[in-house]
C-alpha cells in the first residue's frame, strides 16, 4: 500500500473504491466462483436463454441475429449473420 497515493505514486480511485457494501458483494461473488459445476450451470442457463431469444426472433420475424458462445450472448438487429 505504500505505492498507492497519497503515500506513493500510484493513483487509484473509483465510485465504489473502498465502499464496504461493494467490497462485501465482491467477496461474496468470488466465494461463489468455487461452487461445483457453477460454470456448467451458467452455460446451460445461457443456452436456454439464447434458444428462447432465437425462437422469439423467428416467431416475430424481427430482423435479428443472436451470436453466442458459452455464457456470452448478444443480439444484432440485422438480417445478416
C-alpha atoms as a PDB file:
ATOM      1  CA  UNK A   1       0.000   0.000   0.000  1.00  0.00           C
ATOM      2  CA  UNK A   2       2.988   2.306   0.230  1.00  0.00           C
ATOM      3  CA  UNK A   3       2.874   2.567  -3.580  1.00  0.00           C
ATOM      4  CA  UNK A   4      -0.703   3.864  -3.606  1.00  0.00           C
ATOM      5  CA  UNK A   5      -1.437   7.588  -3.235  1.00  0.00           C
ATOM      6  CA  UNK A   6      -1.214   9.528  -1.019  1.00  0.00           C
ATOM      7  CA  UNK A   7       1.904   7.632   0.132  1.00  0.00           C
ATOM      8  CA  UNK A   8       3.127   6.559  -3.298  1.00  0.00           C
ATOM      9  CA  UNK A   9       2.977   7.492  -6.986  1.00  0.00           C
ATOM     10  CA  UNK A  10       0.079   5.192  -7.992  1.00  0.00           C
ATOM     11  CA  UNK A  11      -3.288   6.917  -8.007  1.00  0.00           C
ATOM     12  CA  UNK A  12      -6.334   4.684  -7.579  1.00  0.00           C
ATOM     13  CA  UNK A  13      -9.916   5.871  -7.323  1.00  0.00           C
ATOM     14  CA  UNK A  14     -13.376   4.844  -8.375  1.00  0.00           C
ATOM     15  CA  UNK A  15     -17.011   5.274  -7.488  1.00  0.00           C
ATOM     16  CA  UNK A  16     -17.069   2.124  -5.356  1.00  0.00           C
ATOM     17  CA  UNK A  17     -13.404   2.002  -4.331  1.00  0.00           C
ATOM     18  CA  UNK A  18     -13.293   1.044  -0.683  1.00  0.00           C
ATOM     19  CA  UNK A  19     -17.086   1.075  -0.362  1.00  0.00           C
ATOM     20  CA  UNK A  20     -17.903  -1.558   2.315  1.00  0.00           C
ATOM     21  CA  UNK A  21     -21.055  -2.772   0.575  1.00  0.00           C
ATOM     22  CA  UNK A  22     -19.309  -3.099  -2.792  1.00  0.00           C
ATOM     23  CA  UNK A  23     -16.371  -4.902  -1.185  1.00  0.00           C
ATOM     24  CA  UNK A  24     -18.705  -7.326   0.625  1.00  0.00           C
ATOM     25  CA  UNK A  25     -20.569  -8.028  -2.610  1.00  0.00           C
ATOM     26  CA  UNK A  26     -17.304  -8.656  -4.438  1.00  0.00           C
ATOM     27  CA  UNK A  27     -16.047 -11.053  -1.783  1.00  0.00           C
ATOM     28  CA  UNK A  28     -19.384 -12.920  -1.803  1.00  0.00           C
ATOM     29  CA  UNK A  29     -19.250 -13.182  -5.612  1.00  0.00           C
ATOM     30  CA  UNK A  30     -15.686 -14.521  -5.528  1.00  0.00           C
ATOM     31  CA  UNK A  31     -16.697 -17.176  -2.995  1.00  0.00           C
ATOM     32  CA  UNK A  32     -19.467 -18.345  -5.340  1.00  0.00           C
ATOM     33  CA  UNK A  33     -16.993 -18.912  -8.166  1.00  0.00           C
ATOM     34  CA  UNK A  34     -15.726 -22.098  -6.492  1.00  0.00           C
ATOM     35  CA  UNK A  35     -19.198 -23.675  -6.397  1.00  0.00           C
ATOM     36  CA  UNK A  36     -19.042 -27.114  -8.058  1.00  0.00           C
ATOM     37  CA  UNK A  37     -20.492 -27.130 -11.598  1.00  0.00           C
ATOM     38  CA  UNK A  38     -21.157 -23.373 -11.445  1.00  0.00           C
ATOM     39  CA  UNK A  39     -19.882 -22.662 -14.940  1.00  0.00           C
ATOM     40  CA  UNK A  40     -21.754 -25.619 -16.413  1.00  0.00           C
ATOM     41  CA  UNK A  41     -24.977 -24.330 -14.842  1.00  0.00           C
ATOM     42  CA  UNK A  42     -24.357 -20.800 -16.091  1.00  0.00           C
ATOM     43  CA  UNK A  43     -23.655 -22.096 -19.604  1.00  0.00           C
ATOM     44  CA  UNK A  44     -26.816 -24.254 -19.585  1.00  0.00           C
ATOM     45  CA  UNK A  45     -28.918 -21.263 -18.495  1.00  0.00           C
ATOM     46  CA  UNK A  46     -27.338 -19.145 -21.218  1.00  0.00           C
ATOM     47  CA  UNK A  47     -28.068 -21.822 -23.842  1.00  0.00           C
ATOM     48  CA  UNK A  48     -31.740 -21.837 -22.783  1.00  0.00           C
ATOM     49  CA  UNK A  49     -31.878 -18.046 -22.950  1.00  0.00           C
ATOM     50  CA  UNK A  50     -30.268 -17.947 -26.400  1.00  0.00           C
ATOM     51  CA  UNK A  51     -32.616 -20.667 -27.688  1.00  0.00           C
ATOM     52  CA  UNK A  52     -35.589 -18.682 -26.379  1.00  0.00           C
ATOM     53  CA  UNK A  53     -34.335 -15.477 -27.974  1.00  0.00           C
ATOM     54  CA  UNK A  54     -33.795 -17.193 -31.310  1.00  0.00           C
ATOM     55  CA  UNK A  55     -37.268 -18.734 -31.146  1.00  0.00           C
ATOM     56  CA  UNK A  56     -38.874 -15.367 -30.335  1.00  0.00           C
ATOM     57  CA  UNK A  57     -36.963 -13.730 -33.191  1.00  0.00           C
ATOM     58  CA  UNK A  58     -38.100 -16.414 -35.627  1.00  0.00           C
ATOM     59  CA  UNK A  59     -41.729 -16.252 -34.471  1.00  0.00           C
ATOM     60  CA  UNK A  60     -41.930 -12.465 -34.730  1.00  0.00           C
ATOM     61  CA  UNK A  61     -39.873 -12.084 -37.923  1.00  0.00           C
ATOM     62  CA  UNK A  62     -37.668  -9.495 -36.264  1.00  0.00           C
ATOM     63  CA  UNK A  63     -34.543  -8.915 -38.383  1.00  0.00           C
ATOM     64  CA  UNK A  64     -32.063 -10.022 -35.759  1.00  0.00           C
ATOM     65  CA  UNK A  65     -29.254 -12.464 -35.095  1.00  0.00           C
ATOM     66  CA  UNK A  66     -28.079 -13.844 -31.764  1.00  0.00           C
ATOM     67  CA  UNK A  67     -24.365 -14.512 -31.525  1.00  0.00           C
ATOM     68  CA  UNK A  68     -23.333 -16.628 -28.562  1.00  0.00           C
ATOM     69  CA  UNK A  69     -20.517 -18.621 -27.092  1.00  0.00           C
ATOM     70  CA  UNK A  70     -20.846 -20.297 -23.727  1.00  0.00           C
ATOM     71  CA  UNK A  71     -22.432 -17.753 -21.364  1.00  0.00           C
ATOM     72  CA  UNK A  72     -21.811 -14.710 -23.565  1.00  0.00           C
ATOM     73  CA  UNK A  73     -24.513 -13.601 -25.981  1.00  0.00           C
ATOM     74  CA  UNK A  74     -25.545 -10.516 -27.889  1.00  0.00           C
ATOM     75  CA  UNK A  75     -28.292  -9.558 -30.300  1.00  0.00           C
ATOM     76  CA  UNK A  76     -27.591  -7.781 -33.573  1.00  0.00           C
ATOM     77  CA  UNK A  77     -30.590  -6.257 -35.288  1.00  0.00           C
ATOM     78  CA  UNK A  78     -29.766  -7.249 -38.850  1.00  0.00           C
ATOM     79  CA  UNK A  79     -30.749  -9.939 -41.336  1.00  0.00           C
ATOM     80  CA  UNK A  80     -27.123 -10.834 -41.961  1.00  0.00           C
ATOM     81  CA  UNK A  81     -25.284 -13.291 -39.727  1.00  0.00           C
END
